[in-house]
């Protein structure tokens, strides 16, 4: 048993570290694209990301020593904190708008994407609530209805920003946890129908979503405006071929790709490392996810099992949404690639989540 615990812990820690370090090297190369641009400097951005990565690793190891039961004990406080912090984006003087969305708060000269705190709070609270609900989860009154109410509160805050992609990632984690908790299939079908109606309403009242869908359906139109990013992304990925141009050799990142260190960073990786390199990157995400799910399968109780599943699904969903949008498989949405894209808040929070799973791996029952 002790051998299994050590193996699970070391495997997940190794994969987390490997993915984070690999992500930084991709980020470092992509940040070279800032040399010919105004605004952020290459050296300051790359050093800042390195510092956040190192601090994140220390926080990850610290969280691995905090017993997972504390997250359950204070789950409602964590959830409430996430809601309050995320709502700060609407406070004049604190929140600021970029790219048509109000998703960041400026504090001590740093920009913080507050929804990352809400992602963690939402998953922690759901895990705690579902663990308490137990078999009642199969009833509408004690199962699906409370889930809808909790999600409606979160959804209202996220749609107001708007940040539909992050909301989608959170819902993927939440629905996955519902499934593992034992909700009935008919409730999942009902939830899917409610989700379709909600998506339709958002699309109707948010013109920018309509524009992105039109761009997705007709990428050959407006190639210098709304379709510009996806077309440049496809050029970058296609230029990489099988093995890529080589580390630091991307052309698209210098003049053509918007946000080469942000949501377009997978395109830079595709151009420099080719099909083989990006496949290896995606396999690292897959390996980390499988390692996390193995831990979930041996978790000591329902709360730790659901929390691990929720975190793993959110990581996979975020990766899929970013990669698929850069390849033109789904509409563009501005979702960063975890462990790789610029975004200190996202990197720090995903390493905290990894630390939580590491602690759970120390208490496996079989």
Protein backbone atom coordinates (compact mmCIF):
# COMPACT_ATOMS: atom_id res chain seq x y z
CA UNK A 1 0.00 0.00 0.00
CA UNK A 2 2.80 2.42 0.92
CA UNK A 3 4.48 1.64 -2.40
CA UNK A 4 1.26 2.47 -4.29
CA UNK A 5 0.93 5.78 -2.44
CA UNK A 6 4.52 6.77 -3.19
CA UNK A 7 4.19 5.76 -6.83
CA UNK A 8 0.97 7.76 -7.29
CA UNK A 9 2.43 10.81 -5.56
CA UNK A 10 5.70 10.75 -7.48
CA UNK A 11 4.04 10.08 -10.81
CA UNK A 12 1.63 13.01 -10.52
CA UNK A 13 4.32 15.32 -9.15
CA UNK A 14 6.73 14.36 -11.96
CA UNK A 15 4.12 14.93 -14.68
CA UNK A 16 3.06 18.26 -13.16
CA UNK A 17 6.68 19.42 -13.04
CA UNK A 18 7.47 18.17 -16.53
CA UNK A 19 4.41 19.85 -18.05
CA UNK A 20 5.14 23.13 -16.24
CA UNK A 21 8.81 23.21 -17.29
CA UNK A 22 7.98 22.24 -20.88
CA UNK A 23 5.30 24.93 -20.88
CA UNK A 24 7.80 27.55 -19.75
CA UNK A 25 10.24 26.71 -22.56
CA UNK A 26 7.43 27.09 -25.08
CA UNK A 27 6.42 30.35 -23.40
CA UNK A 28 10.02 31.62 -23.43
CA UNK A 29 10.28 31.01 -27.17
CA UNK A 30 6.87 32.55 -27.85
CA UNK A 31 7.74 35.64 -25.82
CA UNK A 32 10.52 36.39 -28.32
CA UNK A 33 7.69 37.54 -30.55
CA UNK A 34 7.39 40.63 -28.33
CA UNK A 35 10.76 41.96 -29.55
CA UNK A 36 9.23 43.78 -32.52
CA UNK A 37 6.06 44.87 -30.73
CA UNK A 38 5.17 47.77 -28.51
CA UNK A 39 4.05 47.20 -24.94
CA UNK A 40 5.38 44.37 -22.79
CA UNK A 41 9.09 43.58 -23.10
CA UNK A 42 10.45 40.11 -23.76
CA UNK A 43 12.87 40.07 -20.82
CA UNK A 44 10.40 41.35 -18.20
CA UNK A 45 7.62 39.00 -19.35
CA UNK A 46 9.81 35.90 -19.44
CA UNK A 47 11.39 36.62 -16.05
CA UNK A 48 8.00 37.31 -14.49
CA UNK A 49 6.63 34.01 -15.79
CA UNK A 50 9.71 32.17 -14.45
CA UNK A 51 9.24 33.70 -10.99
CA UNK A 52 5.56 32.77 -10.96
CA UNK A 53 6.45 29.23 -12.01
CA UNK A 54 8.98 28.82 -9.19
CA UNK A 55 6.63 30.36 -6.61
CA UNK A 56 3.84 28.16 -7.94
CA UNK A 57 5.93 25.03 -7.43
CA UNK A 58 6.61 25.99 -3.83
CA UNK A 59 2.91 26.67 -3.25
CA UNK A 60 2.09 23.34 -4.91
CA UNK A 61 4.38 21.49 -2.50
CA UNK A 62 2.93 23.46 0.42
CA UNK A 63 -0.62 22.50 -0.60
CA UNK A 64 0.46 18.87 -0.86
CA UNK A 65 1.09 19.00 2.90
CA UNK A 66 -2.32 20.50 3.76
CA UNK A 67 -4.82 17.74 4.54
CA UNK A 68 -7.55 17.67 1.93
CA UNK A 69 -10.22 17.65 4.66
CA UNK A 70 -9.47 21.33 5.35
CA UNK A 71 -10.71 22.16 1.84
CA UNK A 72 -13.95 20.38 2.67
CA UNK A 73 -14.24 22.07 6.07
CA UNK A 74 -13.91 25.56 4.61
CA UNK A 75 -15.53 24.84 1.23
CA UNK A 76 -18.32 27.43 1.57
CA UNK A 77 -15.79 30.11 2.61
CA UNK A 78 -13.59 29.27 -0.38
CA UNK A 79 -16.61 29.43 -2.69
CA UNK A 80 -17.81 32.72 -1.23
CA UNK A 81 -14.30 34.16 -1.50
CA UNK A 82 -14.18 33.18 -5.17
CA UNK A 83 -17.53 34.84 -5.83
CA UNK A 84 -16.58 38.07 -4.05
CA UNK A 85 -13.16 38.32 -5.67
CA UNK A 86 -14.63 37.66 -9.12
CA UNK A 87 -17.29 40.32 -8.56
CA UNK A 88 -14.52 42.87 -7.91
CA UNK A 89 -14.04 43.20 -11.66
CA UNK A 90 -17.19 45.34 -11.69
CA UNK A 91 -15.82 47.79 -9.10
CA UNK A 92 -14.66 51.04 -10.78
CA UNK A 93 -10.95 51.55 -10.35
CA UNK A 94 -10.25 47.88 -9.67
CA UNK A 95 -11.56 45.99 -12.67
CA UNK A 96 -10.42 46.78 -16.19
CA UNK A 97 -11.54 45.77 -19.65
CA UNK A 98 -9.44 44.15 -22.37
CA UNK A 99 -10.64 42.62 -25.60
CA UNK A 100 -14.22 43.55 -24.81
CA UNK A 101 -14.28 41.59 -21.54
CA UNK A 102 -14.01 42.73 -17.94
CA UNK A 103 -12.12 39.81 -16.38
CA UNK A 104 -9.19 41.31 -14.51
CA UNK A 105 -8.53 43.24 -11.32
CA UNK A 106 -5.48 45.46 -10.87
CA UNK A 107 -3.86 45.05 -7.46
CA UNK A 108 -0.41 46.34 -6.47
CA UNK A 109 0.43 46.91 -10.12
CA UNK A 110 -0.46 43.34 -11.09
CA UNK A 111 -3.42 42.12 -13.16
CA UNK A 112 -5.29 39.20 -11.61
CA UNK A 113 -7.82 37.05 -13.47
CA UNK A 114 -10.24 36.57 -10.60
CA UNK A 115 -12.34 33.84 -12.23
CA UNK A 116 -9.51 31.39 -11.54
CA UNK A 117 -10.35 31.66 -7.83
CA UNK A 118 -14.01 31.04 -8.58
CA UNK A 119 -13.15 27.94 -10.62
CA UNK A 120 -11.45 26.40 -7.60
CA UNK A 121 -14.15 27.57 -5.18
CA UNK A 122 -16.93 26.18 -7.38
CA UNK A 123 -15.34 22.73 -7.65
CA UNK A 124 -14.43 22.54 -3.95
CA UNK A 125 -17.95 23.54 -2.86
CA UNK A 126 -19.62 21.15 -5.30
CA UNK A 127 -17.44 18.28 -4.08
CA UNK A 128 -18.35 19.05 -0.48
CA UNK A 129 -22.08 19.39 -1.22
CA UNK A 130 -22.23 16.23 -3.35
CA UNK A 131 -20.37 14.25 -0.69
CA UNK A 132 -22.99 15.30 1.88
CA UNK A 133 -25.93 14.67 -0.44
CA UNK A 134 -24.97 11.01 -1.09
CA UNK A 135 -27.92 8.96 -2.44
CA UNK A 136 -30.24 11.99 -2.45
CA UNK A 137 -28.36 13.15 -5.53
CA UNK A 138 -30.69 10.94 -7.59
CA UNK A 139 -33.71 13.09 -6.71
CA UNK A 140 -34.49 16.32 -8.52
CA UNK A 141 -35.16 18.30 -5.35
CA UNK A 142 -31.93 17.33 -3.56
CA UNK A 143 -29.78 16.74 -6.63
CA UNK A 144 -30.26 18.60 -9.89
CA UNK A 145 -32.18 21.60 -8.48
CA UNK A 146 -29.47 22.70 -5.97
CA UNK A 147 -26.83 22.14 -8.66
CA UNK A 148 -28.73 24.42 -11.04
CA UNK A 149 -29.11 27.11 -8.37
CA UNK A 150 -25.40 27.05 -7.46
CA UNK A 151 -24.42 27.09 -11.13
CA UNK A 152 -26.89 29.91 -11.89
CA UNK A 153 -25.18 32.15 -9.34
CA UNK A 154 -21.77 31.38 -10.84
CA UNK A 155 -23.10 31.67 -14.37
CA UNK A 156 -24.58 35.10 -13.71
CA UNK A 157 -21.23 36.48 -12.60
CA UNK A 158 -19.34 34.90 -15.50
CA UNK A 159 -21.79 35.92 -18.23
CA UNK A 160 -21.77 39.51 -16.97
CA UNK A 161 -18.00 39.81 -17.53
CA UNK A 162 -18.43 38.08 -20.08
CA UNK A 163 -16.27 34.92 -19.81
CA UNK A 164 -18.29 32.15 -21.40
CA UNK A 165 -15.32 29.86 -22.07
CA UNK A 166 -14.25 29.75 -18.41
CA UNK A 167 -17.86 29.13 -17.43
CA UNK A 168 -17.90 26.21 -19.88
CA UNK A 169 -14.76 24.77 -18.27
CA UNK A 170 -16.34 25.02 -14.82
CA UNK A 171 -19.55 23.37 -16.04
CA UNK A 172 -17.56 20.53 -17.58
CA UNK A 173 -15.99 19.86 -14.20
CA UNK A 174 -19.31 20.20 -12.39
CA UNK A 175 -21.23 17.87 -14.73
CA UNK A 176 -18.41 15.33 -14.53
CA UNK A 177 -18.66 15.39 -10.75
CA UNK A 178 -22.45 14.95 -10.95
CA UNK A 179 -21.94 11.87 -13.12
CA UNK A 180 -19.41 10.34 -10.73
CA UNK A 181 -21.67 11.15 -7.77
CA UNK A 182 -24.37 8.95 -9.31
CA UNK A 183 -26.95 11.33 -10.77
CA UNK A 184 -29.60 9.65 -12.95
CA UNK A 185 -29.20 9.71 -16.73
CA UNK A 186 -32.57 11.41 -17.20
CA UNK A 187 -31.37 14.25 -15.00
CA UNK A 188 -28.24 14.58 -17.13
CA UNK A 189 -30.40 14.70 -20.25
CA UNK A 190 -32.59 17.35 -18.65
CA UNK A 191 -29.46 19.28 -17.67
CA UNK A 192 -28.22 19.10 -21.27
CA UNK A 193 -31.53 20.50 -22.54
CA UNK A 194 -31.42 23.32 -19.98
CA UNK A 195 -27.84 24.01 -21.05
CA UNK A 196 -28.83 24.27 -24.71
CA UNK A 197 -31.57 26.75 -23.85
CA UNK A 198 -29.16 28.81 -21.71
CA UNK A 199 -26.54 28.84 -24.49
CA UNK A 200 -29.17 29.96 -27.01
CA UNK A 201 -30.22 32.82 -24.72
CA UNK A 202 -26.61 33.94 -24.24
CA UNK A 203 -25.97 33.85 -27.99
CA UNK A 204 -29.12 35.88 -28.62
CA UNK A 205 -28.32 38.61 -26.09
CA UNK A 206 -24.52 38.71 -26.59
CA UNK A 207 -23.77 39.93 -30.15
CA UNK A 208 -20.06 39.10 -29.86
CA UNK A 209 -20.91 35.39 -29.53
CA UNK A 210 -22.92 35.58 -32.74
CA UNK A 211 -19.95 37.17 -34.49
CA UNK A 212 -17.59 34.42 -33.31
CA UNK A 213 -19.95 31.70 -34.48
CA UNK A 214 -20.23 33.35 -37.91
CA UNK A 215 -16.44 33.57 -38.06
CA UNK A 216 -16.19 29.89 -37.14
CA UNK A 217 -18.66 28.88 -39.84
CA UNK A 218 -17.08 31.16 -42.49
CA UNK A 219 -13.34 31.47 -41.69
CA UNK A 220 -12.55 32.54 -45.27
CA UNK A 221 -14.53 35.75 -44.83
CA UNK A 222 -13.15 38.85 -43.11
CA UNK A 223 -9.63 37.39 -43.10
CA UNK A 224 -8.17 40.75 -42.06
CA UNK A 225 -10.57 41.27 -39.15
CA UNK A 226 -12.71 38.73 -37.29
CA UNK A 227 -11.16 35.67 -39.02
CA UNK A 228 -7.60 36.98 -38.83
CA UNK A 229 -6.47 35.13 -35.72
CA UNK A 230 -7.76 31.69 -36.67
CA UNK A 231 -6.30 31.96 -40.18
CA UNK A 232 -2.89 33.04 -38.90
CA UNK A 233 -3.05 30.24 -36.33
CA UNK A 234 -3.71 27.65 -39.03
CA UNK A 235 -0.84 29.05 -41.12
CA UNK A 236 1.50 28.72 -38.13
CA UNK A 237 0.45 25.17 -37.30
CA UNK A 238 0.56 24.13 -40.96
CA UNK A 239 4.02 25.67 -41.42
CA UNK A 240 5.37 23.45 -38.64
CA UNK A 241 4.81 20.29 -40.62
CA UNK A 242 5.96 17.06 -38.99
CA UNK A 243 8.97 18.23 -36.98
CA UNK A 244 8.62 22.03 -36.90
CA UNK A 245 10.95 24.90 -37.76
CA UNK A 246 12.89 24.52 -34.51
CA UNK A 247 13.01 26.19 -31.10
CA UNK A 248 12.69 29.97 -31.42
CA UNK A 249 12.25 29.84 -35.20
CA UNK A 250 8.57 30.72 -35.48
CA UNK A 251 7.84 33.46 -38.01
CA UNK A 252 4.18 33.99 -37.20
CA UNK A 253 4.83 35.08 -33.61
CA UNK A 254 6.82 38.15 -34.69
CA UNK A 255 4.34 39.95 -36.91
CA UNK A 256 1.18 38.01 -37.49
CA UNK A 257 -0.20 36.06 -34.53
CA UNK A 258 -2.22 38.09 -32.03
CA UNK A 259 -1.38 37.16 -28.44
CA UNK A 260 1.57 34.84 -29.20
CA UNK A 261 2.13 34.33 -25.46
CA UNK A 262 -1.59 34.13 -24.70
CA UNK A 263 -4.27 32.01 -26.30
CA UNK A 264 -2.27 31.71 -29.58
CA UNK A 265 0.70 30.01 -27.92
CA UNK A 266 -0.29 26.53 -29.13
CA UNK A 267 0.05 27.84 -32.70
CA UNK A 268 3.61 28.96 -31.92
CA UNK A 269 4.34 25.51 -30.50
CA UNK A 270 2.90 23.91 -33.62
CA UNK A 271 5.10 26.02 -35.91
CA UNK A 272 8.29 25.43 -33.93
CA UNK A 273 7.87 21.80 -32.87
CA UNK A 274 5.53 20.47 -35.52
CA UNK A 275 3.07 17.62 -35.29
CA UNK A 276 5.44 15.50 -33.22
CA UNK A 277 6.15 18.22 -30.67
CA UNK A 278 2.52 19.23 -30.17
CA UNK A 279 1.52 15.56 -29.92
CA UNK A 280 4.05 15.10 -27.13
CA UNK A 281 2.62 18.17 -25.36
CA UNK A 282 -0.93 16.81 -25.61
CA UNK A 283 0.25 13.39 -24.42
CA UNK A 284 1.68 15.08 -21.33
CA UNK A 285 -1.77 16.52 -20.60
CA UNK A 286 -3.26 13.06 -21.18
CA UNK A 287 -0.73 11.38 -18.89
CA UNK A 288 -1.34 13.94 -16.14
CA UNK A 289 -5.10 13.45 -16.46
CA UNK A 290 -4.86 9.64 -16.33
CA UNK A 291 -2.58 9.88 -13.31
CA UNK A 292 -5.13 12.14 -11.60
CA UNK A 293 -8.03 9.81 -12.45
CA UNK A 294 -6.12 6.83 -11.04
CA UNK A 295 -5.75 8.79 -7.80
CA UNK A 296 -9.48 9.57 -7.89
CA UNK A 297 -10.26 5.86 -8.30
CA UNK A 298 -8.37 5.07 -5.09
CA UNK A 299 -9.34 8.19 -3.16
CA UNK A 300 -10.20 7.66 0.53
CA UNK A 301 -13.75 9.12 0.39
CA UNK A 302 -16.36 10.68 -1.84
CA UNK A 303 -15.24 14.28 -1.30
CA UNK A 304 -11.62 13.65 -2.29
CA UNK A 305 -12.73 11.51 -5.24
CA UNK A 306 -15.11 14.15 -6.59
CA UNK A 307 -12.64 17.00 -6.01
CA UNK A 308 -9.91 15.18 -7.94
CA UNK A 309 -12.28 14.38 -10.81
CA UNK A 310 -13.46 17.98 -10.99
CA UNK A 311 -9.93 19.39 -11.10
CA UNK A 312 -8.77 16.89 -13.73
CA UNK A 313 -11.77 17.54 -15.98
CA UNK A 314 -11.27 21.31 -15.76
CA UNK A 315 -7.61 20.92 -16.81
CA UNK A 316 -8.55 18.69 -19.76
CA UNK A 317 -11.47 20.91 -20.78
CA UNK A 318 -9.29 24.04 -20.72
CA UNK A 319 -6.65 22.34 -22.84
CA UNK A 320 -9.20 21.06 -25.34
CA UNK A 321 -10.96 24.42 -25.71
CA UNK A 322 -7.69 26.27 -26.35
CA UNK A 323 -6.25 23.75 -28.82
CA UNK A 324 -9.53 23.19 -30.66
CA UNK A 325 -10.11 26.94 -31.09
CA UNK A 326 -6.59 27.47 -32.44
CA UNK A 327 -7.18 24.68 -34.98
CA UNK A 328 -10.53 26.13 -36.05
CA UNK A 329 -12.54 23.21 -34.63
CA UNK A 330 -14.60 25.44 -32.32
CA UNK A 331 -15.14 29.24 -32.21
CA UNK A 332 -12.34 31.39 -30.83
CA UNK A 333 -12.79 32.19 -27.16
CA UNK A 334 -9.58 33.53 -25.61
CA UNK A 335 -8.99 30.59 -23.27
CA UNK A 336 -5.30 30.29 -22.24
CA UNK A 337 -3.43 27.01 -22.45
CA UNK A 338 -2.78 25.98 -18.84
CA UNK A 339 0.87 25.49 -17.84
CA UNK A 340 1.95 27.23 -21.08
CA UNK A 341 0.22 30.56 -21.77
CA UNK A 342 0.95 33.83 -20.03
CA UNK A 343 -1.21 34.25 -16.96
CA UNK A 344 0.25 34.12 -13.51
CA UNK A 345 -3.12 33.64 -11.82
CA UNK A 346 -4.02 30.62 -13.96
CA UNK A 347 -0.59 29.02 -13.48
CA UNK A 348 -0.58 29.61 -9.73
CA UNK A 349 -4.12 28.25 -9.25
CA UNK A 350 -3.59 25.14 -11.38
CA UNK A 351 -0.46 24.36 -9.34
CA UNK A 352 -2.49 24.82 -6.14
CA UNK A 353 -5.02 22.36 -7.56
CA UNK A 354 -2.19 19.95 -8.39
CA UNK A 355 -1.01 20.27 -4.78
CA UNK A 356 -4.49 19.32 -3.54
CA UNK A 357 -4.42 16.16 -5.67
CA UNK A 358 -0.92 15.38 -4.40
CA UNK A 359 -2.18 15.48 -0.82
CA UNK A 360 -5.12 13.23 -1.71
CA UNK A 361 -2.62 10.77 -3.24
CA UNK A 362 -1.02 10.42 0.22
CA UNK A 363 -4.24 8.96 1.63
CA UNK A 364 -5.15 6.32 -0.96
CA UNK A 365 -7.08 3.37 0.39
CA UNK A 366 -6.00 0.70 -2.08
